[in-house]
N, C-alpha and C. Protein backbone atom coordinates (compact mmCIF):
# COMPACT_ATOMS: atom_id res chain seq x y z
N MET A 1 0.98 -1.05 0.02
CA MET A 1 0.01 0.00 0.06
C MET A 1 0.94 1.19 -0.03
N SER A 2 1.07 1.86 -1.06
CA SER A 2 2.01 3.06 -1.24
C SER A 2 1.16 4.29 -1.02
N CYS A 3 -0.08 4.49 -1.08
CA CYS A 3 -0.75 5.70 -1.03
C CYS A 3 -0.72 6.00 0.53
N ILE A 4 -0.27 7.22 0.77
CA ILE A 4 -0.03 7.72 2.04
C ILE A 4 -1.30 7.79 2.80
N PHE A 5 -2.42 8.26 2.11
CA PHE A 5 -3.77 8.50 2.87
C PHE A 5 -4.37 7.20 3.05
N CYS A 6 -4.07 6.03 2.26
CA CYS A 6 -4.65 4.64 2.47
C CYS A 6 -3.96 4.24 3.73
N ARG A 7 -2.66 4.53 3.90
CA ARG A 7 -1.96 4.07 5.06
C ARG A 7 -2.53 4.85 6.43
N ILE A 8 -2.83 6.08 6.29
CA ILE A 8 -3.30 6.83 7.36
C ILE A 8 -4.68 6.35 7.79
N THR A 9 -5.58 6.10 6.75
CA THR A 9 -6.87 5.62 7.12
C THR A 9 -6.83 4.09 7.77
N ALA A 10 -5.77 3.40 7.36
CA ALA A 10 -5.62 2.05 7.98
C ALA A 10 -4.95 2.00 9.16
N GLY A 11 -4.45 3.21 9.73
CA GLY A 11 -3.72 3.19 11.04
C GLY A 11 -2.23 2.79 10.90
N GLU A 12 -1.74 2.69 9.62
CA GLU A 12 -0.35 2.34 9.35
C GLU A 12 0.73 3.46 9.36
N ALA A 13 0.06 4.65 9.27
CA ALA A 13 0.97 5.85 9.10
C ALA A 13 0.34 6.86 10.23
N SER A 14 1.25 7.56 10.78
CA SER A 14 0.66 8.53 11.84
C SER A 14 0.09 9.76 11.18
N ALA A 15 -0.83 10.28 11.92
CA ALA A 15 -1.45 11.63 11.60
C ALA A 15 -2.32 12.11 12.79
N ASP A 16 -2.50 13.31 12.81
CA ASP A 16 -3.23 14.04 13.91
C ASP A 16 -4.72 13.77 13.53
N ILE A 17 -5.34 12.75 13.69
CA ILE A 17 -6.69 12.32 13.44
C ILE A 17 -7.87 12.97 14.28
N LEU A 18 -8.67 13.64 13.70
CA LEU A 18 -9.69 14.48 14.40
C LEU A 18 -11.02 13.67 14.28
N TYR A 19 -11.17 12.89 13.24
CA TYR A 19 -12.49 12.14 13.12
C TYR A 19 -12.12 11.00 12.19
N GLN A 20 -12.83 9.85 12.61
CA GLN A 20 -12.81 8.67 11.69
C GLN A 20 -14.03 7.75 11.94
N ASP A 21 -14.55 7.35 10.92
CA ASP A 21 -15.59 6.34 10.86
C ASP A 21 -15.58 5.28 9.78
N ASP A 22 -16.61 4.64 9.47
CA ASP A 22 -16.39 3.61 8.45
C ASP A 22 -16.23 4.09 7.01
N LEU A 23 -16.67 5.48 6.84
CA LEU A 23 -16.40 5.94 5.45
C LEU A 23 -15.31 6.92 5.21
N VAL A 24 -15.12 7.81 6.28
CA VAL A 24 -14.08 8.88 6.01
C VAL A 24 -13.21 8.99 7.31
N THR A 25 -12.02 9.67 7.01
CA THR A 25 -11.08 10.00 8.10
C THR A 25 -10.74 11.41 7.74
N ALA A 26 -10.59 12.21 8.85
CA ALA A 26 -10.11 13.58 8.82
C ALA A 26 -8.94 13.73 9.84
N PHE A 27 -7.94 14.53 9.27
CA PHE A 27 -6.71 14.79 9.96
C PHE A 27 -6.14 16.08 9.65
N ARG A 28 -5.29 16.65 10.46
CA ARG A 28 -4.63 18.00 10.32
C ARG A 28 -3.55 17.82 9.05
N ASP A 29 -3.68 18.76 8.21
CA ASP A 29 -2.55 18.80 7.15
C ASP A 29 -1.28 19.06 7.74
N THR A 30 -0.23 18.37 7.29
CA THR A 30 1.20 18.51 7.89
C THR A 30 1.78 19.97 7.30
N ASN A 31 1.31 20.31 6.24
CA ASN A 31 1.78 21.67 5.69
C ASN A 31 0.64 22.71 5.67
N PRO A 32 0.11 23.15 6.78
CA PRO A 32 -1.14 23.95 6.72
C PRO A 32 -1.00 25.21 6.03
N GLN A 33 -1.93 25.47 5.25
CA GLN A 33 -2.12 26.84 4.39
C GLN A 33 -3.03 27.87 5.07
N ALA A 34 -3.51 27.52 6.24
CA ALA A 34 -4.46 28.45 7.11
C ALA A 34 -4.31 27.95 8.43
N PRO A 35 -4.80 28.81 9.37
CA PRO A 35 -4.78 28.39 10.79
C PRO A 35 -5.49 27.05 11.03
N THR A 36 -6.66 26.86 10.41
CA THR A 36 -7.39 25.67 10.32
C THR A 36 -7.08 25.01 9.01
N HIS A 37 -6.52 23.82 8.89
CA HIS A 37 -6.26 23.19 7.61
C HIS A 37 -6.39 21.71 7.85
N ILE A 38 -7.51 21.13 7.56
CA ILE A 38 -7.86 19.76 7.81
C ILE A 38 -8.08 19.10 6.50
N LEU A 39 -7.59 17.72 6.41
CA LEU A 39 -7.92 16.95 5.19
C LEU A 39 -8.98 16.02 5.57
N ILE A 40 -9.96 15.87 4.69
CA ILE A 40 -11.06 14.81 4.88
C ILE A 40 -10.98 13.97 3.68
N VAL A 41 -10.75 12.73 3.89
CA VAL A 41 -10.58 11.72 2.81
C VAL A 41 -11.51 10.46 3.04
N PRO A 42 -11.85 9.86 1.91
CA PRO A 42 -12.61 8.69 1.99
C PRO A 42 -11.74 7.49 2.54
N ASN A 43 -12.10 6.60 3.22
CA ASN A 43 -11.36 5.47 3.41
C ASN A 43 -11.08 4.64 2.23
N GLU A 44 -12.04 4.53 1.58
CA GLU A 44 -11.88 3.73 0.13
C GLU A 44 -11.04 4.65 -0.71
N HIS A 45 -10.14 4.03 -1.40
CA HIS A 45 -9.16 4.61 -2.35
C HIS A 45 -9.91 5.08 -3.58
N LEU A 46 -10.01 6.37 -3.75
CA LEU A 46 -10.51 6.94 -5.10
C LEU A 46 -9.39 7.91 -5.40
N ALA A 47 -8.84 7.77 -6.70
CA ALA A 47 -7.70 8.79 -7.00
C ALA A 47 -8.11 10.19 -6.94
N SER A 48 -9.34 10.58 -7.47
CA SER A 48 -9.67 11.95 -7.38
C SER A 48 -11.27 12.00 -7.59
N ILE A 49 -11.65 13.19 -7.58
CA ILE A 49 -13.21 13.44 -7.73
C ILE A 49 -13.61 12.82 -9.12
N GLY A 50 -12.77 12.60 -9.97
CA GLY A 50 -13.14 11.94 -11.37
C GLY A 50 -13.55 10.63 -11.10
N ASP A 51 -13.19 9.82 -10.03
CA ASP A 51 -13.63 8.52 -9.85
C ASP A 51 -14.86 8.33 -9.02
N VAL A 52 -15.59 9.37 -8.63
CA VAL A 52 -16.80 9.26 -7.91
C VAL A 52 -17.90 8.95 -8.78
N ARG A 53 -18.75 7.95 -8.37
CA ARG A 53 -19.74 7.36 -9.20
C ARG A 53 -21.05 7.62 -8.29
N PRO A 54 -22.23 7.29 -8.98
CA PRO A 54 -23.45 7.39 -8.20
C PRO A 54 -23.57 6.57 -6.84
N GLU A 55 -22.86 5.54 -6.99
CA GLU A 55 -22.89 4.74 -5.69
C GLU A 55 -22.10 5.21 -4.52
N HIS A 56 -21.38 6.50 -4.75
CA HIS A 56 -20.61 7.24 -3.69
C HIS A 56 -21.53 8.31 -3.12
N ASP A 57 -22.76 8.50 -3.41
CA ASP A 57 -23.67 9.59 -2.84
C ASP A 57 -23.52 9.60 -1.36
N GLY A 58 -23.72 8.49 -0.83
CA GLY A 58 -23.58 8.54 0.83
C GLY A 58 -22.22 8.95 1.18
N LEU A 59 -21.24 8.67 0.55
CA LEU A 59 -19.82 9.05 1.01
C LEU A 59 -19.82 10.64 0.90
N LEU A 60 -20.23 11.08 -0.17
CA LEU A 60 -20.14 12.65 -0.23
C LEU A 60 -20.94 13.33 0.63
N VAL A 61 -22.14 12.91 1.06
CA VAL A 61 -22.90 13.39 1.96
C VAL A 61 -22.10 13.42 3.46
N ARG A 62 -21.48 12.26 3.68
CA ARG A 62 -20.70 12.09 4.92
C ARG A 62 -19.51 13.06 4.87
N ILE A 63 -18.89 13.30 3.81
CA ILE A 63 -17.80 14.14 3.73
C ILE A 63 -18.21 15.62 4.08
N PHE A 64 -19.36 16.03 3.47
CA PHE A 64 -19.84 17.20 3.80
C PHE A 64 -20.30 17.45 5.24
N THR A 65 -20.94 16.51 5.71
CA THR A 65 -21.52 16.49 7.06
C THR A 65 -20.21 16.63 8.03
N VAL A 66 -19.21 15.87 7.86
CA VAL A 66 -17.93 15.84 8.78
C VAL A 66 -17.26 17.24 8.54
N ALA A 67 -17.27 17.77 7.36
CA ALA A 67 -16.66 19.13 7.31
C ALA A 67 -17.49 20.15 8.07
N ASN A 68 -18.77 20.14 8.02
CA ASN A 68 -19.55 21.03 8.88
C ASN A 68 -19.33 20.77 10.30
N HIS A 69 -19.28 19.58 10.71
CA HIS A 69 -18.97 19.17 12.12
C HIS A 69 -17.63 19.76 12.63
N LEU A 70 -16.58 19.44 11.73
CA LEU A 70 -15.21 19.89 12.07
C LEU A 70 -15.10 21.36 12.04
N ALA A 71 -15.63 21.97 11.17
CA ALA A 71 -15.69 23.55 11.12
C ALA A 71 -16.29 24.12 12.40
N THR A 72 -17.34 23.55 12.82
CA THR A 72 -17.97 24.11 14.03
C THR A 72 -17.08 23.72 15.21
N GLN A 73 -16.53 22.61 15.30
CA GLN A 73 -15.40 22.10 16.49
C GLN A 73 -14.29 23.10 16.37
N GLU A 74 -13.84 23.39 15.36
CA GLU A 74 -12.59 24.28 15.17
C GLU A 74 -12.86 25.81 15.40
N GLY A 75 -14.21 26.03 15.40
CA GLY A 75 -14.55 27.49 15.68
C GLY A 75 -14.57 28.43 14.40
N VAL A 76 -14.64 27.68 13.15
CA VAL A 76 -14.51 28.53 11.96
C VAL A 76 -15.88 28.43 11.20
N ALA A 77 -16.91 27.84 11.70
CA ALA A 77 -18.08 27.69 10.99
C ALA A 77 -18.93 29.03 10.80
N GLN A 78 -18.87 29.93 11.89
CA GLN A 78 -19.53 31.09 11.70
C GLN A 78 -18.84 32.20 10.91
N SER A 79 -17.59 32.20 11.09
CA SER A 79 -16.70 33.19 10.30
C SER A 79 -16.56 32.91 8.91
N GLY A 80 -16.67 31.59 8.65
CA GLY A 80 -16.53 31.11 7.24
C GLY A 80 -15.33 30.28 6.98
N TYR A 81 -15.45 29.28 6.08
CA TYR A 81 -14.42 28.42 5.72
C TYR A 81 -14.45 28.02 4.25
N ARG A 82 -13.42 27.47 3.74
CA ARG A 82 -13.49 26.89 2.30
C ARG A 82 -13.22 25.34 2.44
N LEU A 83 -13.94 24.68 1.40
CA LEU A 83 -13.76 23.44 1.34
C LEU A 83 -13.43 23.16 -0.13
N VAL A 84 -12.34 22.53 -0.35
CA VAL A 84 -11.89 22.43 -1.87
C VAL A 84 -11.24 21.26 -2.06
N THR A 85 -11.33 20.57 -3.28
CA THR A 85 -10.70 19.44 -3.77
C THR A 85 -10.00 19.92 -5.09
N ASN A 86 -8.91 19.22 -5.45
CA ASN A 86 -8.17 19.37 -6.62
C ASN A 86 -8.20 18.03 -7.44
N ARG A 87 -8.26 18.23 -8.83
CA ARG A 87 -8.21 17.05 -9.63
C ARG A 87 -7.09 17.23 -10.76
N GLY A 88 -6.05 16.42 -10.63
CA GLY A 88 -4.93 16.65 -11.50
C GLY A 88 -3.88 17.37 -11.19
N ALA A 89 -2.74 17.36 -11.85
CA ALA A 89 -1.56 18.07 -11.45
C ALA A 89 -1.66 19.63 -11.56
N GLN A 90 -2.30 19.92 -12.77
CA GLN A 90 -2.40 21.38 -13.13
C GLN A 90 -3.30 22.15 -12.14
N ALA A 91 -4.21 21.32 -11.44
CA ALA A 91 -5.11 21.98 -10.41
C ALA A 91 -4.47 21.86 -9.00
N GLY A 92 -3.25 21.24 -8.98
CA GLY A 92 -2.54 21.22 -7.69
C GLY A 92 -2.60 19.95 -6.90
N GLN A 93 -3.13 18.89 -7.48
CA GLN A 93 -3.32 17.70 -6.74
C GLN A 93 -1.89 16.93 -6.66
N SER A 94 -1.54 16.73 -5.48
CA SER A 94 -0.21 16.12 -5.46
C SER A 94 -0.28 14.64 -4.71
N VAL A 95 -1.48 14.30 -4.02
CA VAL A 95 -1.66 13.00 -3.48
C VAL A 95 -2.86 12.57 -4.24
N TYR A 96 -2.65 11.44 -5.00
CA TYR A 96 -3.80 10.92 -5.68
C TYR A 96 -4.67 9.89 -4.97
N HIS A 97 -5.36 10.56 -4.12
CA HIS A 97 -6.35 9.86 -3.20
C HIS A 97 -7.31 11.06 -2.95
N LEU A 98 -8.44 10.87 -3.38
CA LEU A 98 -9.48 11.94 -3.25
C LEU A 98 -9.51 12.66 -1.75
N HIS A 99 -9.27 13.85 -1.80
CA HIS A 99 -9.34 14.40 -0.34
C HIS A 99 -9.80 15.96 -0.59
N PHE A 100 -10.47 16.37 0.55
CA PHE A 100 -11.03 17.75 0.58
C PHE A 100 -10.23 18.50 1.65
N HIS A 101 -9.79 19.74 1.23
CA HIS A 101 -9.13 20.58 2.29
C HIS A 101 -10.20 21.58 2.99
N LEU A 102 -10.29 21.51 4.30
CA LEU A 102 -11.13 22.30 5.03
C LEU A 102 -10.15 23.45 5.50
N LEU A 103 -10.29 24.67 5.03
CA LEU A 103 -9.44 25.74 5.39
C LEU A 103 -10.26 26.88 5.93
N GLY A 104 -9.73 27.34 7.11
CA GLY A 104 -10.52 28.43 7.85
C GLY A 104 -9.58 29.19 8.81
N GLY A 105 -10.06 30.28 9.45
CA GLY A 105 -9.31 30.91 10.40
C GLY A 105 -8.57 32.24 9.79
N ARG A 106 -8.73 32.52 8.50
CA ARG A 106 -8.22 33.69 8.01
C ARG A 106 -9.08 34.04 6.75
N ARG A 107 -8.88 35.19 6.34
CA ARG A 107 -9.67 35.71 5.12
C ARG A 107 -9.28 34.95 3.90
N MET A 108 -10.10 34.39 3.09
CA MET A 108 -9.68 33.73 1.77
C MET A 108 -9.74 34.76 0.80
N THR A 109 -8.96 34.60 -0.25
CA THR A 109 -9.02 35.54 -1.39
C THR A 109 -9.70 34.91 -2.59
N TRP A 110 -9.98 35.66 -3.52
CA TRP A 110 -10.61 35.22 -4.74
C TRP A 110 -10.07 35.97 -5.94
N PRO A 111 -9.64 35.40 -6.94
CA PRO A 111 -9.62 34.03 -7.20
C PRO A 111 -8.60 33.25 -6.38
N PRO A 112 -8.77 32.03 -6.14
CA PRO A 112 -7.87 31.34 -5.11
C PRO A 112 -6.38 31.04 -5.74
N GLY A 113 -6.23 30.95 -6.92
CA GLY A 113 -4.81 30.58 -7.35
C GLY A 113 -4.42 31.36 -8.44
């Protein structure tokens, strides 16, 4: 298993895990780009958002529910936060396991990149 996120979800690599259930795992980013920077990943290996199929509906709902829960827990729900995923190298994807960045605790600019 060479995917670092698969190893984290399986408990084979260390991470500051904030949430884990049967579908998703959430942990702090090791290179934070905001005061709150949490990664939310499916436990199932999906390379990117391009691999999501209709049978993943429940997984996507869980990801968004966990994001809302963590944003509240981290104290950024009221002030605002950004939830983003990248697909492909040109978009900035560096780990090819679907993941969402929950970013908060500072003003976000637009456009983002």
